[in-house]
Amino acid sequence: MLEDRSAYSCNGGPGGYGGEGGPGRGGDSIGIAYLDEDRLTVEGVTFTLGPPGKGGISWDDQGKMISCEDGVAVETRRFAE
């Protein structure tokens, strides 16, 4: 017969605390996003780019403001595969 020994076991320790969430980078304004440089064609293309997004702002646990970089406006941007 198995004996119940749960009364002798230890409780788990307290969980850790998650880190503070930081601010996000601003969004980019991209005319053409591409993967294959050989297939990119911009002849006869007119770009009218909107403004990129502003980087986010937050504060650390000491009350110091942290800001993230703004996005960029580019006519073309190669994306990694």
N, C-alpha and C. Protein backbone atom coordinates (compact mmCIF):
# COMPACT_ATOMS: atom_id res chain seq x y z
N MET A 1 0.84 -1.16 0.00
CA MET A 1 0.00 0.00 0.00
C MET A 1 0.89 1.24 0.00
N LEU A 2 0.54 2.24 -0.83
CA LEU A 2 1.31 3.48 -0.88
C LEU A 2 0.86 4.41 0.24
N GLU A 3 1.83 5.07 0.80
CA GLU A 3 1.53 5.99 1.89
C GLU A 3 1.47 7.41 1.36
N ASP A 4 0.50 8.21 1.79
CA ASP A 4 0.38 9.60 1.37
C ASP A 4 1.35 10.45 2.19
N ARG A 5 2.36 10.98 1.53
CA ARG A 5 3.36 11.81 2.23
C ARG A 5 3.24 13.28 1.85
N SER A 6 2.13 13.70 1.26
CA SER A 6 1.98 15.08 0.82
C SER A 6 2.06 16.07 1.98
N ALA A 7 1.74 15.64 3.17
CA ALA A 7 1.82 16.54 4.33
C ALA A 7 3.26 16.92 4.64
N TYR A 8 4.24 16.13 4.13
CA TYR A 8 5.64 16.39 4.42
C TYR A 8 6.34 17.18 3.32
N SER A 9 5.65 17.47 2.24
CA SER A 9 6.29 18.17 1.12
C SER A 9 6.33 19.68 1.38
N CYS A 10 7.20 20.35 0.65
CA CYS A 10 7.36 21.80 0.81
C CYS A 10 6.52 22.54 -0.23
N ASN A 11 6.08 23.70 0.15
CA ASN A 11 5.40 24.57 -0.81
C ASN A 11 6.44 25.15 -1.77
N GLY A 12 6.04 25.45 -2.98
CA GLY A 12 6.93 26.10 -3.92
C GLY A 12 7.24 27.52 -3.48
N GLY A 13 8.34 28.04 -3.97
CA GLY A 13 8.72 29.41 -3.63
C GLY A 13 7.87 30.41 -4.40
N PRO A 14 7.95 31.68 -4.03
CA PRO A 14 7.18 32.71 -4.74
C PRO A 14 7.73 32.90 -6.15
N GLY A 15 6.87 33.21 -7.08
CA GLY A 15 7.31 33.48 -8.45
C GLY A 15 8.08 34.78 -8.52
N GLY A 16 8.88 34.90 -9.56
CA GLY A 16 9.63 36.14 -9.76
C GLY A 16 8.74 37.23 -10.32
N TYR A 17 9.26 38.41 -10.40
CA TYR A 17 8.51 39.54 -10.92
C TYR A 17 8.95 39.81 -12.35
N GLY A 18 8.01 40.05 -13.22
CA GLY A 18 8.32 40.34 -14.61
C GLY A 18 9.03 41.67 -14.75
N GLY A 19 9.79 41.79 -15.78
CA GLY A 19 10.50 43.05 -16.05
C GLY A 19 9.54 44.13 -16.53
N GLU A 20 10.00 45.33 -16.48
CA GLU A 20 9.19 46.46 -16.92
C GLU A 20 9.12 46.47 -18.45
N GLY A 21 7.98 46.75 -18.99
CA GLY A 21 7.84 46.87 -20.44
C GLY A 21 8.44 48.18 -20.91
N GLY A 22 9.16 48.15 -21.98
CA GLY A 22 9.79 49.36 -22.50
C GLY A 22 8.96 49.97 -23.61
N PRO A 23 9.35 51.15 -24.06
CA PRO A 23 8.61 51.81 -25.13
C PRO A 23 8.89 51.16 -26.47
N GLY A 24 8.00 51.33 -27.39
CA GLY A 24 8.16 50.75 -28.72
C GLY A 24 8.76 51.75 -29.71
N ARG A 25 9.43 51.22 -30.71
CA ARG A 25 10.00 52.04 -31.78
C ARG A 25 8.87 52.54 -32.67
N GLY A 26 9.03 53.71 -33.24
CA GLY A 26 8.04 54.27 -34.14
C GLY A 26 7.95 53.48 -35.44
N GLY A 27 6.79 53.49 -36.04
CA GLY A 27 6.58 52.76 -37.29
C GLY A 27 7.22 53.46 -38.48
N ASP A 28 7.67 52.68 -39.43
CA ASP A 28 8.32 53.21 -40.63
C ASP A 28 7.27 53.55 -41.70
N SER A 29 7.62 54.47 -42.57
CA SER A 29 6.84 54.78 -43.76
C SER A 29 7.66 54.28 -44.94
N ILE A 30 7.18 53.19 -45.59
CA ILE A 30 7.95 52.52 -46.64
C ILE A 30 7.14 52.52 -47.93
N GLY A 31 7.78 52.98 -49.01
CA GLY A 31 7.11 52.96 -50.31
C GLY A 31 6.98 51.55 -50.85
N ILE A 32 8.08 50.83 -50.98
CA ILE A 32 8.09 49.45 -51.47
C ILE A 32 8.97 48.62 -50.54
N ALA A 33 8.39 47.58 -49.98
CA ALA A 33 9.15 46.61 -49.19
C ALA A 33 9.36 45.39 -50.09
N TYR A 34 10.57 44.86 -50.11
CA TYR A 34 10.87 43.77 -51.04
C TYR A 34 11.79 42.74 -50.39
N LEU A 35 11.81 41.56 -50.99
CA LEU A 35 12.69 40.48 -50.56
C LEU A 35 13.80 40.21 -51.56
N ASP A 36 13.49 40.36 -52.85
CA ASP A 36 14.42 39.98 -53.92
C ASP A 36 14.88 41.22 -54.67
N GLU A 37 16.13 41.61 -54.47
CA GLU A 37 16.69 42.81 -55.09
C GLU A 37 16.61 42.75 -56.62
N ASP A 38 16.75 41.56 -57.19
CA ASP A 38 16.73 41.41 -58.65
C ASP A 38 15.35 41.72 -59.24
N ARG A 39 14.30 41.63 -58.46
CA ARG A 39 12.95 41.87 -58.97
C ARG A 39 12.43 43.27 -58.62
N LEU A 40 13.22 44.06 -57.90
CA LEU A 40 12.79 45.41 -57.52
C LEU A 40 12.93 46.35 -58.72
N THR A 41 11.84 47.00 -59.06
CA THR A 41 11.84 47.99 -60.14
C THR A 41 11.20 49.26 -59.63
N VAL A 42 11.91 50.38 -59.79
CA VAL A 42 11.36 51.66 -59.36
C VAL A 42 11.27 52.66 -60.51
N GLU A 43 11.55 52.20 -61.72
CA GLU A 43 11.44 53.09 -62.88
C GLU A 43 10.00 53.52 -63.07
N GLY A 44 9.79 54.81 -63.21
CA GLY A 44 8.46 55.35 -63.42
C GLY A 44 7.59 55.39 -62.17
N VAL A 45 8.17 55.09 -61.02
CA VAL A 45 7.41 55.09 -59.76
C VAL A 45 7.58 56.45 -59.09
N THR A 46 6.50 57.00 -58.62
CA THR A 46 6.53 58.24 -57.85
C THR A 46 6.18 57.91 -56.41
N PHE A 47 7.03 58.33 -55.50
CA PHE A 47 6.80 58.04 -54.09
C PHE A 47 6.23 59.27 -53.38
N THR A 48 5.21 59.08 -52.62
CA THR A 48 4.69 60.10 -51.71
C THR A 48 4.60 59.43 -50.35
N LEU A 49 5.60 59.65 -49.55
CA LEU A 49 5.68 58.98 -48.25
C LEU A 49 5.02 59.81 -47.17
N GLY A 50 4.32 59.13 -46.30
CA GLY A 50 3.77 59.79 -45.13
C GLY A 50 4.84 59.90 -44.06
N PRO A 51 4.57 60.63 -43.01
CA PRO A 51 5.55 60.76 -41.93
C PRO A 51 5.69 59.45 -41.14
N PRO A 52 6.89 59.12 -40.71
CA PRO A 52 7.05 57.94 -39.87
C PRO A 52 6.47 58.19 -38.48
N GLY A 53 6.24 57.10 -37.75
CA GLY A 53 5.69 57.22 -36.40
C GLY A 53 6.74 57.63 -35.38
N LYS A 54 6.29 58.30 -34.36
CA LYS A 54 7.16 58.70 -33.25
C LYS A 54 7.40 57.50 -32.36
N GLY A 55 8.59 57.42 -31.80
CA GLY A 55 8.91 56.36 -30.85
C GLY A 55 8.14 56.56 -29.56
N GLY A 56 7.87 55.46 -28.89
CA GLY A 56 7.11 55.51 -27.64
C GLY A 56 7.92 56.06 -26.48
N ILE A 57 7.22 56.40 -25.42
CA ILE A 57 7.84 56.94 -24.20
C ILE A 57 7.32 56.13 -23.02
N SER A 58 8.21 55.80 -22.09
CA SER A 58 7.79 55.21 -20.82
C SER A 58 8.76 55.68 -19.75
N TRP A 59 8.59 55.20 -18.55
CA TRP A 59 9.43 55.61 -17.44
C TRP A 59 9.95 54.37 -16.72
N ASP A 60 11.20 54.43 -16.26
CA ASP A 60 11.74 53.30 -15.52
C ASP A 60 11.28 53.34 -14.08
N ASP A 61 11.74 52.39 -13.28
CA ASP A 61 11.28 52.31 -11.90
C ASP A 61 11.81 53.44 -11.02
N GLN A 62 12.74 54.24 -11.54
CA GLN A 62 13.25 55.40 -10.81
C GLN A 62 12.57 56.69 -11.26
N GLY A 63 11.63 56.58 -12.18
CA GLY A 63 10.92 57.76 -12.68
C GLY A 63 11.63 58.46 -13.82
N LYS A 64 12.70 57.86 -14.34
CA LYS A 64 13.44 58.47 -15.46
C LYS A 64 12.73 58.12 -16.76
N MET A 65 12.53 59.14 -17.61
CA MET A 65 11.85 58.92 -18.88
C MET A 65 12.77 58.18 -19.86
N ILE A 66 12.20 57.21 -20.55
CA ILE A 66 12.91 56.44 -21.57
C ILE A 66 12.14 56.62 -22.87
N SER A 67 12.84 56.98 -23.93
CA SER A 67 12.16 57.10 -25.22
C SER A 67 12.85 56.21 -26.24
N CYS A 68 12.05 55.70 -27.14
CA CYS A 68 12.57 54.82 -28.19
C CYS A 68 12.70 55.62 -29.48
N GLU A 69 13.48 55.12 -30.40
CA GLU A 69 13.74 55.86 -31.63
C GLU A 69 12.49 55.95 -32.51
N ASP A 70 12.44 57.03 -33.28
CA ASP A 70 11.36 57.22 -34.23
C ASP A 70 11.56 56.29 -35.42
N GLY A 71 10.49 56.06 -36.15
CA GLY A 71 10.59 55.30 -37.39
C GLY A 71 11.28 56.14 -38.46
N VAL A 72 11.47 55.56 -39.62
CA VAL A 72 12.12 56.25 -40.73
C VAL A 72 11.20 56.24 -41.95
N ALA A 73 11.39 57.19 -42.85
CA ALA A 73 10.66 57.24 -44.12
C ALA A 73 11.66 56.91 -45.23
N VAL A 74 11.39 55.81 -45.94
CA VAL A 74 12.29 55.37 -47.01
C VAL A 74 11.46 54.93 -48.23
N GLU A 75 11.99 55.16 -49.40
CA GLU A 75 11.29 54.76 -50.61
C GLU A 75 11.28 53.25 -50.76
N THR A 76 12.40 52.60 -50.47
CA THR A 76 12.47 51.13 -50.56
C THR A 76 13.17 50.59 -49.33
N ARG A 77 12.79 49.40 -48.94
CA ARG A 77 13.44 48.73 -47.81
C ARG A 77 13.43 47.23 -48.08
N ARG A 78 14.62 46.64 -48.00
CA ARG A 78 14.72 45.19 -48.18
C ARG A 78 14.40 44.52 -46.86
N PHE A 79 13.51 43.56 -46.89
CA PHE A 79 13.17 42.77 -45.71
C PHE A 79 13.99 41.49 -45.72
N ALA A 80 14.41 41.07 -44.56
CA ALA A 80 15.14 39.80 -44.44
C ALA A 80 14.14 38.65 -44.56
N GLU A 81 14.62 37.57 -45.13
CA GLU A 81 13.75 36.39 -45.26
C GLU A 81 13.71 35.61 -44.00
